[in-house]
Amino acid sequence: AIADDPLLTVRVGRGRRNPLRVVVDGRLRTPLNGKLAQGARAIPTMVFTTNDHATGRKAEDLRKLGVNVMAVGHGARLDLRLALLELGRMGVMSLMVESGGDLAWEMVRQGLVDRVKFFIAPKIAGGPGCVMGSGGVDRIVDAFGLEDLCFSMSGPDIMVDGKISK
């Protein structure tokens, strides 16, 4: 939510209801003047952060804009399982995670993901910020597999859809 100031809304098809927008932000860096915070009164928006950040002035300012700021975990470490349990208590039965590599890896590593969809663009970029972040496995035999694979084209990009198996 910091790098690209996303809307996190449904923009395909008319009449579709926008889902709850959920942001995982351990250091509570979600900008007050960003699209998420500014649109929180119109579209329900939740930010999961750590106990260390959930009670400060920034959290209060976000709440005044209509953002539901919730602490999950203890101390400075955000607990993704606790965040998902909280969403379940709220009636959220499915979740689409659009994230950077570090959060994507943690979700997969902790067994919190059933399926993945990712896109391969016809470009070579290299460098940090890989699809699955800074985590990873040391040996290929420890890698997560994908099954029930589907491949499709989205413009020049290839979409890979698969169920995680391990």
C-alpha atoms as a PDB file:
ATOM      1  CA  ALA A   1       0.000   0.000   0.000  1.00  0.00           C
ATOM      2  CA  ILE A   2       3.029   2.225   0.276  1.00  0.00           C
ATOM      3  CA  ALA A   3       4.881   1.683  -2.992  1.00  0.00           C
ATOM      4  CA  ASP A   4       2.035   2.057  -5.487  1.00  0.00           C
ATOM      5  CA  ASP A   5      -0.920   3.631  -3.589  1.00  0.00           C
ATOM      6  CA  PRO A   6      -3.453   1.000  -4.747  1.00  0.00           C
ATOM      7  CA  LEU A   7      -7.228   1.264  -4.677  1.00  0.00           C
ATOM      8  CA  LEU A   8      -7.741  -2.489  -4.034  1.00  0.00           C
ATOM      9  CA  THR A   9     -11.182  -2.302  -5.618  1.00  0.00           C
ATOM     10  CA  VAL A  10     -13.102  -4.358  -8.167  1.00  0.00           C
ATOM     11  CA  ARG A  11     -12.796  -2.576 -11.489  1.00  0.00           C
ATOM     12  CA  VAL A  12     -13.993  -5.306 -13.866  1.00  0.00           C
ATOM     13  CA  GLY A  13     -17.731  -5.621 -14.437  1.00  0.00           C
ATOM     14  CA  ARG A  14     -20.433  -3.307 -13.222  1.00  0.00           C
ATOM     15  CA  GLY A  15     -22.501  -3.765 -10.125  1.00  0.00           C
ATOM     16  CA  ARG A  16     -19.868  -5.798  -8.325  1.00  0.00           C
ATOM     17  CA  ARG A  17     -19.490  -5.156  -4.643  1.00  0.00           C
ATOM     18  CA  ASN A  18     -16.057  -4.154  -3.418  1.00  0.00           C
ATOM     19  CA  PRO A  19     -14.676  -6.629  -0.903  1.00  0.00           C
ATOM     20  CA  LEU A  20     -13.143  -5.691   2.426  1.00  0.00           C
ATOM     21  CA  ARG A  21      -9.748  -4.171   1.708  1.00  0.00           C
ATOM     22  CA  VAL A  22      -7.123  -5.652   4.024  1.00  0.00           C
ATOM     23  CA  VAL A  23      -3.590  -4.341   4.428  1.00  0.00           C
ATOM     24  CA  VAL A  24      -0.794  -6.101   6.327  1.00  0.00           C
ATOM     25  CA  ASP A  25       1.417  -3.294   7.613  1.00  0.00           C
ATOM     26  CA  GLY A  26       3.647  -4.275  10.523  1.00  0.00           C
ATOM     27  CA  ARG A  27       5.174  -0.797  10.863  1.00  0.00           C
ATOM     28  CA  LEU A  28       1.938   1.116  10.147  1.00  0.00           C
ATOM     29  CA  ARG A  29       3.355   3.050   7.215  1.00  0.00           C
ATOM     30  CA  THR A  30       0.011   3.234   5.365  1.00  0.00           C
ATOM     31  CA  PRO A  31      -0.158   6.878   4.238  1.00  0.00           C
ATOM     32  CA  LEU A  32      -2.953   9.026   5.638  1.00  0.00           C
ATOM     33  CA  ASN A  33      -3.292  10.794   2.294  1.00  0.00           C
ATOM     34  CA  GLY A  34      -3.279   7.568   0.250  1.00  0.00           C
ATOM     35  CA  LYS A  35      -6.234   6.122  -1.653  1.00  0.00           C
ATOM     36  CA  LEU A  36      -6.859   3.377   0.911  1.00  0.00           C
ATOM     37  CA  ALA A  37      -7.154   5.674   3.910  1.00  0.00           C
ATOM     38  CA  GLN A  38      -8.976   8.423   2.039  1.00  0.00           C
ATOM     39  CA  GLY A  39     -11.559   5.970   0.681  1.00  0.00           C
ATOM     40  CA  ALA A  40     -12.083   4.009   3.900  1.00  0.00           C
ATOM     41  CA  ARG A  41     -15.485   5.536   4.681  1.00  0.00           C
ATOM     42  CA  ALA A  42     -16.833   4.408   1.291  1.00  0.00           C
ATOM     43  CA  ILE A  43     -15.123   0.998   1.119  1.00  0.00           C
ATOM     44  CA  PRO A  44     -14.453  -1.005   4.314  1.00  0.00           C
ATOM     45  CA  THR A  45     -10.709  -1.019   4.971  1.00  0.00           C
ATOM     46  CA  MET A  46      -8.741  -2.910   7.609  1.00  0.00           C
ATOM     47  CA  VAL A  47      -5.068  -2.597   8.483  1.00  0.00           C
ATOM     48  CA  PHE A  48      -3.385  -5.331  10.503  1.00  0.00           C
ATOM     49  CA  THR A  49      -0.353  -4.076  12.375  1.00  0.00           C
ATOM     50  CA  THR A  50       1.674  -4.961  15.454  1.00  0.00           C
ATOM     51  CA  ASN A  51       0.847  -4.202  19.066  1.00  0.00           C
ATOM     52  CA  ASP A  52       3.694  -1.678  19.022  1.00  0.00           C
ATOM     53  CA  HIS A  53       1.933   0.450  16.389  1.00  0.00           C
ATOM     54  CA  ALA A  54      -1.797  -0.123  16.974  1.00  0.00           C
ATOM     55  CA  THR A  55      -2.180   2.401  19.780  1.00  0.00           C
ATOM     56  CA  GLY A  56      -0.176   5.398  18.582  1.00  0.00           C
ATOM     57  CA  ARG A  57      -1.236   8.646  16.966  1.00  0.00           C
ATOM     58  CA  LYS A  58      -0.926   7.275  13.419  1.00  0.00           C
ATOM     59  CA  ALA A  59      -3.365   4.478  14.273  1.00  0.00           C
ATOM     60  CA  GLU A  60      -5.810   7.008  15.725  1.00  0.00           C
ATOM     61  CA  ASP A  61      -5.514   9.220  12.644  1.00  0.00           C
ATOM     62  CA  LEU A  62      -6.269   6.225  10.403  1.00  0.00           C
ATOM     63  CA  ARG A  63      -9.263   5.311  12.567  1.00  0.00           C
ATOM     64  CA  LYS A  64     -10.604   8.865  12.227  1.00  0.00           C
ATOM     65  CA  LEU A  65     -10.558   8.326   8.457  1.00  0.00           C
ATOM     66  CA  GLY A  66     -12.626   5.145   8.866  1.00  0.00           C
ATOM     67  CA  VAL A  67      -9.842   2.556   8.758  1.00  0.00           C
ATOM     68  CA  ASN A  68     -10.213  -0.386  11.144  1.00  0.00           C
ATOM     69  CA  VAL A  69      -6.704  -0.727  12.641  1.00  0.00           C
ATOM     70  CA  MET A  70      -6.170  -4.003  14.472  1.00  0.00           C
ATOM     71  CA  ALA A  71      -3.177  -5.422  16.337  1.00  0.00           C
ATOM     72  CA  VAL A  72      -2.358  -9.049  15.653  1.00  0.00           C
ATOM     73  CA  GLY A  73       0.521 -10.685  17.419  1.00  0.00           C
ATOM     74  CA  HIS A  74       2.715  -9.751  20.317  1.00  0.00           C
ATOM     75  CA  GLY A  75       5.436  -7.142  20.496  1.00  0.00           C
ATOM     76  CA  ALA A  76       6.888  -6.117  17.170  1.00  0.00           C
ATOM     77  CA  ARG A  77       6.051  -9.339  15.260  1.00  0.00           C
ATOM     78  CA  LEU A  78       2.866  -9.515  13.190  1.00  0.00           C
ATOM     79  CA  ASP A  79       1.022 -12.853  13.394  1.00  0.00           C
ATOM     80  CA  LEU A  80      -0.469 -13.776  10.002  1.00  0.00           C
ATOM     81  CA  ARG A  81      -2.391 -16.751  11.421  1.00  0.00           C
ATOM     82  CA  LEU A  82      -4.048 -14.488  13.967  1.00  0.00           C
ATOM     83  CA  ALA A  83      -4.937 -12.024  11.201  1.00  0.00           C
ATOM     84  CA  LEU A  84      -6.618 -14.799   9.201  1.00  0.00           C
ATOM     85  CA  LEU A  85      -8.461 -16.044  12.284  1.00  0.00           C
ATOM     86  CA  GLU A  86      -9.762 -12.523  12.856  1.00  0.00           C
ATOM     87  CA  LEU A  87     -10.939 -12.301   9.251  1.00  0.00           C
ATOM     88  CA  GLY A  88     -12.701 -15.648   9.708  1.00  0.00           C
ATOM     89  CA  ARG A  89     -14.489 -14.307  12.783  1.00  0.00           C
ATOM     90  CA  MET A  90     -15.674 -11.438  10.603  1.00  0.00           C
ATOM     91  CA  GLY A  91     -17.144 -13.891   8.089  1.00  0.00           C
ATOM     92  CA  VAL A  92     -14.419 -13.608   5.447  1.00  0.00           C
ATOM     93  CA  MET A  93     -14.307 -17.032   3.792  1.00  0.00           C
ATOM     94  CA  SER A  94     -11.896 -16.359   0.925  1.00  0.00           C
ATOM     95  CA  LEU A  95      -9.041 -13.975   0.430  1.00  0.00           C
ATOM     96  CA  MET A  96      -7.073 -12.723  -2.540  1.00  0.00           C
ATOM     97  CA  VAL A  97      -3.582 -11.656  -1.519  1.00  0.00           C
ATOM     98  CA  GLU A  98      -1.890  -9.113  -3.747  1.00  0.00           C
ATOM     99  CA  SER A  99       1.501  -8.547  -2.217  1.00  0.00           C
ATOM    100  CA  GLY A 100       5.199  -8.219  -2.511  1.00  0.00           C
ATOM    101  CA  GLY A 101       7.522 -11.165  -2.340  1.00  0.00           C
ATOM    102  CA  ASP A 102       8.138 -11.219   1.412  1.00  0.00           C
ATOM    103  CA  LEU A 103       4.466 -11.434   2.406  1.00  0.00           C
ATOM    104  CA  ALA A 104       3.770 -13.910  -0.407  1.00  0.00           C
ATOM    105  CA  TRP A 105       6.578 -16.159   0.838  1.00  0.00           C
ATOM    106  CA  GLU A 106       5.444 -15.983   4.470  1.00  0.00           C
ATOM    107  CA  MET A 107       1.870 -16.880   3.504  1.00  0.00           C
ATOM    108  CA  VAL A 108       3.087 -19.915   1.543  1.00  0.00           C
ATOM    109  CA  ARG A 109       5.730 -20.929   4.102  1.00  0.00           C
ATOM    110  CA  GLN A 110       3.211 -20.871   6.955  1.00  0.00           C
ATOM    111  CA  GLY A 111       0.709 -22.987   5.009  1.00  0.00           C
ATOM    112  CA  LEU A 112      -1.844 -20.172   4.781  1.00  0.00           C
ATOM    113  CA  VAL A 113      -2.354 -20.393   1.007  1.00  0.00           C
ATOM    114  CA  ASP A 114      -4.359 -22.959  -0.965  1.00  0.00           C
ATOM    115  CA  ARG A 115      -3.839 -21.667  -4.513  1.00  0.00           C
ATOM    116  CA  VAL A 116      -1.524 -19.245  -6.229  1.00  0.00           C
ATOM    117  CA  LYS A 117      -1.892 -17.181  -9.366  1.00  0.00           C
ATOM    118  CA  PHE A 118       1.076 -15.324 -10.685  1.00  0.00           C
ATOM    119  CA  PHE A 119       2.020 -13.665 -13.903  1.00  0.00           C
ATOM    120  CA  ILE A 120       5.133 -14.032 -15.986  1.00  0.00           C
ATOM    121  CA  ALA A 121       5.838 -10.977 -18.113  1.00  0.00           C
ATOM    122  CA  PRO A 122       7.993 -11.141 -21.226  1.00  0.00           C
ATOM    123  CA  LYS A 123      10.657  -9.042 -19.525  1.00  0.00           C
ATOM    124  CA  ILE A 124      13.862  -9.721 -17.620  1.00  0.00           C
ATOM    125  CA  ALA A 125      14.388  -7.472 -14.609  1.00  0.00           C
ATOM    126  CA  GLY A 126      16.587  -9.313 -12.094  1.00  0.00           C
ATOM    127  CA  GLY A 127      17.566  -8.002  -8.683  1.00  0.00           C
ATOM    128  CA  PRO A 128      15.830  -8.119  -5.311  1.00  0.00           C
ATOM    129  CA  GLY A 129      12.059  -8.264  -4.953  1.00  0.00           C
ATOM    130  CA  CYS A 130      11.586 -11.725  -6.406  1.00  0.00           C
ATOM    131  CA  VAL A 131       8.147 -13.312  -6.634  1.00  0.00           C
ATOM    132  CA  MET A 132       8.635 -15.107  -3.327  1.00  0.00           C
ATOM    133  CA  GLY A 133      10.756 -12.570  -1.517  1.00  0.00           C
ATOM    134  CA  SER A 134      13.827 -12.976   0.582  1.00  0.00           C
ATOM    135  CA  GLY A 135      12.810 -16.312   2.112  1.00  0.00           C
ATOM    136  CA  GLY A 136      13.019 -19.408   0.055  1.00  0.00           C
ATOM    137  CA  VAL A 137      14.420 -22.858   0.564  1.00  0.00           C
ATOM    138  CA  ASP A 138      18.011 -24.037   0.543  1.00  0.00           C
ATOM    139  CA  ARG A 139      17.306 -27.279  -1.335  1.00  0.00           C
ATOM    140  CA  ILE A 140      14.976 -27.807  -4.283  1.00  0.00           C
ATOM    141  CA  VAL A 141      13.523 -30.915  -2.581  1.00  0.00           C
ATOM    142  CA  ASP A 142      12.154 -28.576   0.108  1.00  0.00           C
ATOM    143  CA  ALA A 143      10.362 -26.391  -2.441  1.00  0.00           C
ATOM    144  CA  PHE A 144       6.578 -26.103  -2.528  1.00  0.00           C
ATOM    145  CA  GLY A 145       5.032 -27.831  -5.512  1.00  0.00           C
ATOM    146  CA  LEU A 146       2.058 -26.823  -7.614  1.00  0.00           C
ATOM    147  CA  GLU A 147      -0.601 -29.169  -8.971  1.00  0.00           C
ATOM    148  CA  ASP A 148      -3.806 -28.788 -10.991  1.00  0.00           C
ATOM    149  CA  LEU A 149      -1.966 -26.229 -13.078  1.00  0.00           C
ATOM    150  CA  CYS A 150      -3.660 -23.917 -15.553  1.00  0.00           C
ATOM    151  CA  PHE A 151      -1.850 -21.568 -17.888  1.00  0.00           C
ATOM    152  CA  SER A 152      -3.494 -18.725 -19.770  1.00  0.00           C
ATOM    153  CA  MET A 153      -2.534 -15.563 -21.579  1.00  0.00           C
ATOM    154  CA  SER A 154      -3.411 -12.103 -20.296  1.00  0.00           C
ATOM    155  CA  GLY A 155      -2.241  -9.783 -23.026  1.00  0.00           C
ATOM    156  CA  PRO A 156       1.465 -10.534 -23.463  1.00  0.00           C
ATOM    157  CA  ASP A 157       1.729 -12.051 -19.948  1.00  0.00           C
ATOM    158  CA  ILE A 158       1.338 -15.692 -18.940  1.00  0.00           C
ATOM    159  CA  MET A 159      -0.854 -16.410 -15.925  1.00  0.00           C
ATOM    160  CA  VAL A 160       0.011 -19.523 -13.918  1.00  0.00           C
ATOM    161  CA  ASP A 161      -2.702 -20.857 -11.595  1.00  0.00           C
ATOM    162  CA  GLY A 162      -2.090 -23.830  -9.343  1.00  0.00           C
ATOM    163  CA  LYS A 163      -2.903 -25.529  -6.076  1.00  0.00           C
ATOM    164  CA  ILE A 164      -0.048 -25.672  -3.564  1.00  0.00           C
ATOM    165  CA  SER A 165       1.091 -29.193  -2.728  1.00  0.00           C
ATOM    166  CA  LYS A 166       3.600 -30.157  -0.079  1.00  0.00           C
END
